[in-house]
Amino acid sequence: MNLSVTSDLSAIRQAFHRDPELGFDEVRTKARVAAMLRDLGLEVHEGVGVVGVLRAGQGNRAIGLRADMDALPITETSTHGYVSGTPGVMHACGHDGHMTMLLGAARDLARDPGFSGTVVFIFQPNEEHGLGARAMLDEGLLDRFPLDEVYAIHNLPGAPVGEVSTRAGLICSSESLFEIHITGQGGHASMPQAGRDAITIGAELVQALQTIVARKLAPGAGAVVSVTEFLTDGQRNVLPGQATLKGDARARSPEDRAQIETLMRQIAQGVAAAHGVTAKVSFRTEFIETINAAPQTEAVLRAAGAAGLATIPDRAPMSFSEDFAHFAAAVPGCFLLMGNGESGPHGQPLHSSDYDFNDALLPMGAAFWAALVRDRLPLPGEGA
């Protein structure tokens, strides 16, 4: 599909939706994005992700605009005419729409720049696992394309279409994945006194971990500790000697994140010692906290107003995590949410099997991106 000659962004978005690909496997998606950017006359670079560069005027400042490309391992249950053609994979988070909004902005700015400087369009793989931004940075994104600031949009089901909400400071939580492996002594279910039953000890540990948020961190810290898997080698009449707890911890500051890890290790060792077993803890952070810079947040709100969009300037932080955090930690930036609609498939939660991106949002998002570029890279005499 040639983006330079079509005005139908919904057709582009629905084509992405029909052909979803998982993180780091976005082969066809990357090729489609790169081809569209080349059709527009942009300088295109393909690597871990896809980067398009558009220059205008004599300005020496550069801004980055990021869209994510990956889908999720979810079987779609929608009944519209463009359902996923890949069994077990679907765009259930709106990345198909994020790409299309950014491509629409690239088209509009290529036709009528109205700015002076450089825009770097960043199409990132594997946002869902928190690995794509880091991979692009490790590949040398900022060395090849030095940026003064960087931005990203995520759609928000349940909010009015096009409503922009953001905040300076923390906007998204970190996510850390943990595993606790308990080694006890298996035995016969009829003689529990002869062994050290890992499942009972693990159950005690599940409850004890909840005291981290309930009793060890300040009320209102916004932290979450969730055990999501409990695996053992037990059988019908066999008490397990091995148990593994897996889970997810969210925090709104690096200090709380470090405290959660410290307390988790202390609790695991204390429970293990009380029962004469061993416990090994793994705690790995892939999504760090997403922090918005104040000047860039103010620019987002100005651009939203210029594009005719309603704004919420100091929304509550979100408990979900966002891979954009790595870009915002390297360059001042702002992550913003844009309402996807309040009802029907557009109001369904992100990652649900009947969620759908709202095509009415596509021209709004493209117009917002163009307004932001012109705000941050003004023509001579217009001021920043």
Protein backbone atom coordinates (compact mmCIF):
# COMPACT_ATOMS: atom_id res chain seq x y z
CA MET A 1 0.00 0.00 0.00
CA ASN A 2 1.47 3.36 -1.05
CA LEU A 3 1.01 5.82 1.81
CA SER A 4 1.88 8.79 -0.37
CA VAL A 5 -1.23 8.36 -2.50
CA THR A 6 -3.84 7.06 -0.04
CA SER A 7 -5.76 9.18 2.42
CA ASP A 8 -7.36 6.18 4.05
CA LEU A 9 -5.37 5.62 7.23
CA SER A 10 -7.94 3.10 8.43
CA ALA A 11 -7.07 0.80 5.51
CA ILE A 12 -3.42 0.92 6.53
CA ARG A 13 -4.23 0.24 10.16
CA GLN A 14 -6.51 -2.67 9.32
CA ALA A 15 -3.83 -4.19 7.08
CA PHE A 16 -1.45 -4.14 10.05
CA HIS A 17 -4.18 -5.67 12.20
CA ARG A 18 -4.72 -8.58 9.79
CA ASP A 19 -1.02 -9.46 9.82
CA PRO A 20 0.26 -9.25 13.43
CA GLU A 21 3.75 -10.37 14.42
CA LEU A 22 5.28 -10.99 17.84
CA GLY A 23 8.23 -9.13 19.33
CA PHE A 24 11.52 -9.35 17.41
CA ASP A 25 9.67 -11.25 14.65
CA GLU A 26 8.11 -8.16 13.03
CA VAL A 27 9.57 -9.02 9.61
CA ARG A 28 6.62 -8.17 7.36
CA THR A 29 5.61 -5.25 9.57
CA LYS A 30 9.06 -3.68 9.34
CA ALA A 31 9.15 -4.14 5.58
CA ARG A 32 5.73 -2.49 5.21
CA VAL A 33 6.71 0.46 7.41
CA ALA A 34 10.04 0.96 5.62
CA ALA A 35 8.37 0.86 2.20
CA MET A 36 5.81 3.47 3.20
CA LEU A 37 8.48 5.80 4.59
CA ARG A 38 10.51 5.46 1.39
CA ASP A 39 7.40 6.25 -0.67
CA LEU A 40 7.23 9.53 1.24
CA GLY A 41 10.84 10.37 0.38
CA LEU A 42 12.21 9.90 3.90
CA GLU A 43 15.68 8.64 4.64
CA VAL A 44 15.11 5.11 5.95
CA HIS A 45 17.33 2.92 8.13
CA GLU A 46 16.50 -0.68 8.95
CA GLY A 47 18.01 -2.58 11.86
CA VAL A 48 16.43 -3.95 15.01
CA GLY A 49 13.60 -1.55 14.24
CA VAL A 50 12.90 0.98 11.48
CA VAL A 51 13.95 4.63 11.56
CA GLY A 52 12.74 7.31 9.17
CA VAL A 53 14.41 10.73 9.05
CA LEU A 54 12.76 13.90 7.74
CA ARG A 55 14.67 17.17 7.58
CA ALA A 56 13.36 20.64 6.78
CA GLY A 57 14.78 24.14 7.01
CA GLN A 58 18.08 25.00 8.67
CA GLY A 59 17.26 24.13 12.26
CA ASN A 60 19.82 22.06 14.15
CA ARG A 61 17.50 20.48 16.72
CA ALA A 62 16.10 16.95 16.41
CA ILE A 63 13.14 15.24 18.06
CA GLY A 64 12.18 11.57 18.13
CA LEU A 65 8.64 10.21 17.79
CA ARG A 66 8.20 6.55 18.72
CA ALA A 67 5.62 3.94 17.76
CA ASP A 68 5.68 0.27 18.80
CA MET A 69 5.15 -2.53 16.26
CA ASP A 70 4.67 -5.87 18.05
CA ALA A 71 1.49 -7.85 18.68
CA LEU A 72 0.54 -10.26 21.49
CA PRO A 73 0.14 -14.06 21.76
CA ILE A 74 -3.66 -13.81 22.08
CA THR A 75 -6.37 -15.50 20.01
CA GLU A 76 -8.69 -12.81 18.65
CA THR A 77 -12.42 -13.17 19.32
CA SER A 78 -13.56 -10.09 17.37
CA THR A 79 -16.05 -10.39 14.50
CA HIS A 80 -15.12 -7.36 12.40
CA GLY A 81 -13.90 -7.75 8.82
CA TYR A 82 -10.16 -7.48 9.47
CA VAL A 83 -9.51 -10.04 12.21
CA SER A 84 -6.02 -11.43 12.64
CA GLY A 85 -4.98 -13.90 9.99
CA THR A 86 -2.36 -15.45 12.28
CA PRO A 87 -3.79 -17.97 14.76
CA GLY A 88 -2.96 -17.13 18.35
CA VAL A 89 -1.54 -13.68 17.57
CA MET A 90 -3.35 -10.33 17.52
CA HIS A 91 -2.87 -6.61 17.92
CA ALA A 92 -4.61 -6.41 21.30
CA CYS A 93 -2.79 -3.30 22.51
CA GLY A 94 -3.24 -0.91 19.60
CA HIS A 95 0.28 -0.96 18.21
CA ASP A 96 -1.28 -1.24 14.75
CA GLY A 97 -2.89 2.15 15.40
CA HIS A 98 0.24 3.67 16.93
CA MET A 99 2.21 2.82 13.78
CA THR A 100 -0.51 4.21 11.52
CA MET A 101 -0.82 7.51 13.40
CA LEU A 102 2.93 8.04 13.13
CA LEU A 103 2.95 7.10 9.43
CA GLY A 104 0.10 9.56 8.90
CA ALA A 105 2.13 12.28 10.57
CA ALA A 106 5.15 11.44 8.41
CA ARG A 107 2.98 11.76 5.30
CA ASP A 108 1.50 15.09 6.36
CA LEU A 109 4.86 16.57 7.41
CA ALA A 110 6.57 15.36 4.23
CA ARG A 111 3.87 17.11 2.15
CA ASP A 112 3.79 20.32 4.20
CA PRO A 113 6.69 20.51 6.68
CA GLY A 114 6.11 23.84 8.45
CA PHE A 115 9.08 23.12 10.74
CA SER A 116 12.82 23.67 10.83
CA GLY A 117 15.00 20.82 12.07
CA THR A 118 15.00 17.03 12.03
CA VAL A 119 12.24 14.57 12.92
CA VAL A 120 13.29 10.98 13.64
CA PHE A 121 10.38 8.53 13.30
CA ILE A 122 11.18 5.51 15.48
CA PHE A 123 9.33 2.24 14.88
CA GLN A 124 10.29 -0.02 17.75
CA PRO A 125 10.01 -3.81 18.02
CA ASN A 126 9.16 -5.87 21.10
CA GLU A 127 7.65 -3.32 23.43
CA GLU A 128 5.52 -5.93 25.18
CA HIS A 129 8.52 -7.67 26.76
CA GLY A 130 10.40 -4.47 27.54
CA LEU A 131 13.28 -5.39 25.25
CA GLY A 132 12.87 -3.41 22.05
CA ALA A 133 13.87 0.08 23.20
CA ARG A 134 16.99 -1.23 24.88
CA ALA A 135 17.87 -3.18 21.73
CA MET A 136 17.58 -0.06 19.58
CA LEU A 137 19.66 1.96 22.03
CA ASP A 138 22.29 -0.78 22.20
CA GLU A 139 22.36 -0.78 18.40
CA GLY A 140 23.43 2.87 18.53
CA LEU A 141 20.18 4.72 17.82
CA LEU A 142 21.21 7.86 19.67
CA ASP A 143 24.75 7.79 18.28
CA ARG A 144 23.45 7.72 14.71
CA PHE A 145 20.48 10.01 15.33
CA PRO A 146 21.22 12.37 18.25
CA LEU A 147 17.96 13.59 19.74
CA ASP A 148 17.15 16.60 21.87
CA GLU A 149 13.89 15.07 23.08
CA VAL A 150 11.61 12.09 22.46
CA TYR A 151 7.86 11.33 22.62
CA ALA A 152 5.42 8.39 22.47
CA ILE A 153 1.64 7.90 22.38
CA HIS A 154 -0.38 5.02 23.80
CA ASN A 155 -4.11 4.69 23.27
CA LEU A 156 -6.31 4.42 26.37
CA PRO A 157 -9.58 2.45 26.26
CA GLY A 158 -12.33 3.87 28.45
CA ALA A 159 -11.36 7.50 27.82
CA PRO A 160 -13.12 9.80 25.33
CA VAL A 161 -11.74 9.55 21.79
CA GLY A 162 -8.74 11.83 21.34
CA GLU A 163 -8.54 13.02 24.94
CA VAL A 164 -4.85 13.55 25.79
CA SER A 165 -3.74 12.87 29.34
CA THR A 166 -0.27 12.97 30.77
CA ARG A 167 1.75 14.34 33.68
CA ALA A 168 5.22 15.57 34.49
CA GLY A 169 7.26 13.13 36.56
CA LEU A 170 6.38 9.47 36.93
CA ILE A 171 3.74 8.32 34.43
CA CYS A 172 4.21 4.49 34.34
CA SER A 173 5.44 1.97 36.90
CA SER A 174 8.43 -0.31 36.59
CA GLU A 175 7.96 -4.04 36.20
CA SER A 176 10.29 -6.60 37.76
CA LEU A 177 9.93 -10.35 37.28
CA PHE A 178 10.84 -12.59 40.19
CA GLU A 179 11.29 -16.30 40.79
CA ILE A 180 11.73 -18.01 44.15
CA HIS A 181 12.85 -21.64 44.07
CA ILE A 182 12.31 -23.68 47.24
CA THR A 183 14.21 -26.90 47.82
CA GLY A 184 12.81 -29.07 50.60
CA GLN A 185 12.37 -32.81 50.96
CA GLY A 186 9.65 -34.68 49.12
CA GLY A 187 7.80 -37.57 50.68
CA HIS A 188 4.65 -39.64 50.97
CA ALA A 189 1.42 -37.71 51.40
CA SER A 190 0.47 -39.94 54.33
CA MET A 191 3.65 -39.11 56.28
CA PRO A 192 4.28 -35.36 56.03
CA GLN A 193 6.41 -35.39 59.18
CA ALA A 194 9.11 -37.35 57.33
CA GLY A 195 9.77 -34.65 54.74
CA ARG A 196 9.84 -30.88 54.30
CA ASP A 197 6.85 -30.16 52.12
CA ALA A 198 7.73 -27.41 49.62
CA ILE A 199 4.10 -26.66 48.72
CA THR A 200 3.09 -25.73 52.28
CA ILE A 201 6.20 -23.59 52.66
CA GLY A 202 5.53 -21.96 49.31
CA ALA A 203 1.95 -21.17 50.32
CA GLU A 204 3.24 -19.49 53.47
CA LEU A 205 5.68 -17.51 51.38
CA VAL A 206 2.92 -16.32 49.01
CA GLN A 207 1.07 -14.82 51.98
CA ALA A 208 4.23 -13.38 53.56
CA LEU A 209 5.16 -11.55 50.36
CA GLN A 210 1.94 -9.54 50.58
CA THR A 211 3.25 -7.85 53.72
CA ILE A 212 5.80 -6.00 51.56
CA VAL A 213 3.11 -3.70 50.18
CA ALA A 214 0.68 -3.92 53.11
CA ARG A 215 3.16 -3.34 55.94
CA LYS A 216 6.64 -2.48 54.69
CA LEU A 217 6.09 0.32 52.16
CA ALA A 218 4.37 3.66 52.72
CA PRO A 219 0.60 3.73 52.13
CA GLY A 220 -0.08 5.18 48.71
CA ALA A 221 3.28 4.06 47.28
CA GLY A 222 1.46 2.43 44.39
CA ALA A 223 3.55 -0.74 44.54
CA VAL A 224 2.15 -4.16 43.62
CA VAL A 225 3.59 -7.62 44.33
CA SER A 226 1.77 -10.46 42.59
CA VAL A 227 2.59 -14.17 42.61
CA THR A 228 1.31 -15.40 39.26
CA GLU A 229 2.61 -18.99 39.06
CA PHE A 230 3.10 -21.77 41.64
CA LEU A 231 4.89 -24.82 40.26
CA THR A 232 5.83 -28.01 42.16
CA ASP A 233 7.00 -31.56 41.49
CA GLY A 234 4.22 -33.02 43.62
CA GLN A 235 1.74 -35.67 42.51
CA ARG A 236 -1.54 -37.14 43.79
CA ASN A 237 0.09 -38.85 46.78
CA VAL A 238 3.56 -37.27 46.60
CA LEU A 239 4.48 -34.25 48.69
CA PRO A 240 6.70 -31.99 46.59
CA GLY A 241 10.32 -31.38 47.49
CA GLN A 242 10.65 -28.60 44.92
CA ALA A 243 8.47 -25.53 44.41
CA THR A 244 8.90 -22.42 42.29
CA LEU A 245 6.98 -19.19 42.73
CA LYS A 246 6.96 -16.75 39.83
CA GLY A 247 5.54 -13.29 39.79
CA ASP A 248 5.55 -9.64 38.97
CA ALA A 249 6.40 -6.57 41.07
CA ARG A 250 5.48 -2.98 40.15
CA ALA A 251 6.98 0.15 41.66
CA ARG A 252 6.73 3.90 41.15
CA SER A 253 10.27 4.79 42.16
CA PRO A 254 13.70 3.18 41.88
CA GLU A 255 13.94 3.35 45.68
CA ASP A 256 10.74 1.37 46.20
CA ARG A 257 11.82 -1.10 43.55
CA ALA A 258 15.11 -1.73 45.37
CA GLN A 259 13.27 -2.00 48.69
CA ILE A 260 10.87 -4.60 47.28
CA GLU A 261 13.79 -6.74 46.13
CA THR A 262 15.56 -6.46 49.47
CA LEU A 263 12.44 -7.34 51.44
CA MET A 264 11.57 -10.22 49.11
CA ARG A 265 14.99 -11.77 49.67
CA GLN A 266 14.74 -11.28 53.45
CA ILE A 267 11.27 -12.83 53.66
CA ALA A 268 12.19 -15.79 51.46
CA GLN A 269 15.29 -16.54 53.50
CA GLY A 270 13.40 -16.14 56.78
CA VAL A 271 10.56 -18.48 55.79
CA ALA A 272 13.05 -20.99 54.39
CA ALA A 273 15.16 -20.92 57.56
CA ALA A 274 12.08 -21.43 59.74
CA HIS A 275 11.32 -24.68 57.90
CA GLY A 276 14.84 -25.97 57.30
CA VAL A 277 14.77 -25.60 53.51
CA THR A 278 16.61 -23.39 51.01
CA ALA A 279 15.18 -20.59 48.89
CA LYS A 280 16.88 -18.92 45.94
CA VAL A 281 15.53 -15.61 44.65
CA SER A 282 15.88 -14.13 41.16
CA PHE A 283 14.69 -10.53 40.64
CA ARG A 284 15.04 -9.01 37.15
CA THR A 285 13.84 -5.57 36.02
CA GLU A 286 13.19 -5.07 32.31
CA PHE A 287 10.75 -2.14 32.44
CA ILE A 288 12.09 0.75 34.51
CA GLU A 289 9.88 3.61 35.70
CA THR A 290 8.75 6.00 32.93
CA ILE A 291 9.57 9.59 33.89
CA ASN A 292 8.25 12.56 31.90
CA ALA A 293 10.28 15.77 31.73
CA ALA A 294 8.33 18.92 32.58
CA PRO A 295 9.16 21.03 29.47
CA GLN A 296 8.28 18.17 27.13
CA THR A 297 5.04 17.52 29.02
CA GLU A 298 4.09 21.17 28.64
CA ALA A 299 4.82 20.93 24.91
CA VAL A 300 2.53 17.90 24.58
CA LEU A 301 -0.33 19.78 26.20
CA ARG A 302 0.22 22.80 23.95
CA ALA A 303 0.29 20.62 20.84
CA ALA A 304 -2.86 18.79 21.90
CA GLY A 305 -4.63 22.11 22.29
CA ALA A 306 -3.37 23.25 18.89
CA ALA A 307 -4.77 20.03 17.38
CA GLY A 308 -8.14 20.69 18.99
CA LEU A 309 -7.92 17.84 21.51
CA ALA A 310 -9.16 17.88 25.10
CA THR A 311 -6.44 17.53 27.72
CA ILE A 312 -5.95 16.25 31.27
CA PRO A 313 -2.67 17.86 32.39
CA ASP A 314 -1.98 15.97 35.62
CA ARG A 315 -3.50 12.50 35.34
CA ALA A 316 -2.77 9.84 37.95
CA PRO A 317 0.23 7.60 37.19
CA MET A 318 -0.53 4.34 35.43
CA SER A 319 0.23 0.99 37.07
CA PHE A 320 1.23 -0.61 33.77
CA SER A 321 4.79 -0.44 32.45
CA GLU A 322 6.11 0.99 29.19
CA ASP A 323 9.31 0.23 27.29
CA PHE A 324 9.50 3.90 26.25
CA ALA A 325 11.00 4.41 29.73
CA HIS A 326 14.45 3.54 28.36
CA PHE A 327 14.23 6.29 25.74
CA ALA A 328 12.97 8.81 28.31
CA ALA A 329 15.84 7.89 30.65
CA ALA A 330 18.36 8.66 27.90
CA VAL A 331 16.74 11.80 26.43
CA PRO A 332 14.19 14.22 27.95
CA GLY A 333 10.76 13.11 26.80
CA CYS A 334 7.07 12.65 27.40
CA PHE A 335 4.79 9.63 27.23
CA LEU A 336 1.13 10.49 26.74
CA LEU A 337 -2.18 8.64 26.64
CA MET A 338 -4.86 9.30 24.02
CA GLY A 339 -8.44 8.18 24.56
CA ASN A 340 -9.58 5.25 22.41
CA GLY A 341 -13.31 5.46 23.23
CA GLU A 342 -15.61 4.58 26.10
CA SER A 343 -17.71 1.72 24.78
CA GLY A 344 -17.74 -1.31 22.52
CA PRO A 345 -14.49 -2.91 21.37
CA HIS A 346 -12.73 0.46 21.67
CA GLY A 347 -13.51 0.57 25.38
CA GLN A 348 -12.40 -3.00 26.07
CA PRO A 349 -9.26 -3.35 28.21
CA LEU A 350 -5.87 -3.47 26.55
CA HIS A 351 -4.75 -7.08 25.99
CA SER A 352 -8.32 -8.38 25.82
CA SER A 353 -9.22 -10.70 22.94
CA ASP A 354 -12.02 -8.43 21.69
CA TYR A 355 -10.20 -5.11 21.97
CA ASP A 356 -9.87 -3.00 18.81
CA PHE A 357 -8.08 0.25 18.06
CA ASN A 358 -10.46 3.08 17.16
CA ASP A 359 -9.89 4.26 13.58
CA ALA A 360 -11.48 7.61 14.45
CA LEU A 361 -8.34 8.29 16.47
CA LEU A 362 -5.99 7.95 13.49
CA PRO A 363 -6.33 11.48 11.98
CA MET A 364 -6.38 12.98 15.48
CA GLY A 365 -3.12 11.29 16.39
CA ALA A 366 -1.49 12.27 13.10
CA ALA A 367 -2.59 15.89 13.57
CA PHE A 368 -1.27 15.89 17.13
CA TRP A 369 2.14 14.60 16.02
CA ALA A 370 2.36 17.28 13.33
CA ALA A 371 1.39 20.01 15.82
CA LEU A 372 4.02 18.76 18.27
CA VAL A 373 6.76 18.80 15.62
CA ARG A 374 5.90 22.35 14.64
CA ASP A 375 5.85 23.40 18.30
CA ARG A 376 9.26 21.90 19.06
CA LEU A 377 10.94 22.74 15.73
CA PRO A 378 9.51 26.15 14.90
CA LEU A 379 10.25 28.05 11.74
CA PRO A 380 12.64 31.03 12.12
CA GLY A 381 10.91 33.87 13.89
CA GLU A 382 8.12 31.76 15.33
CA GLY A 383 9.89 30.91 18.60
CA ALA A 384 9.77 27.68 20.63
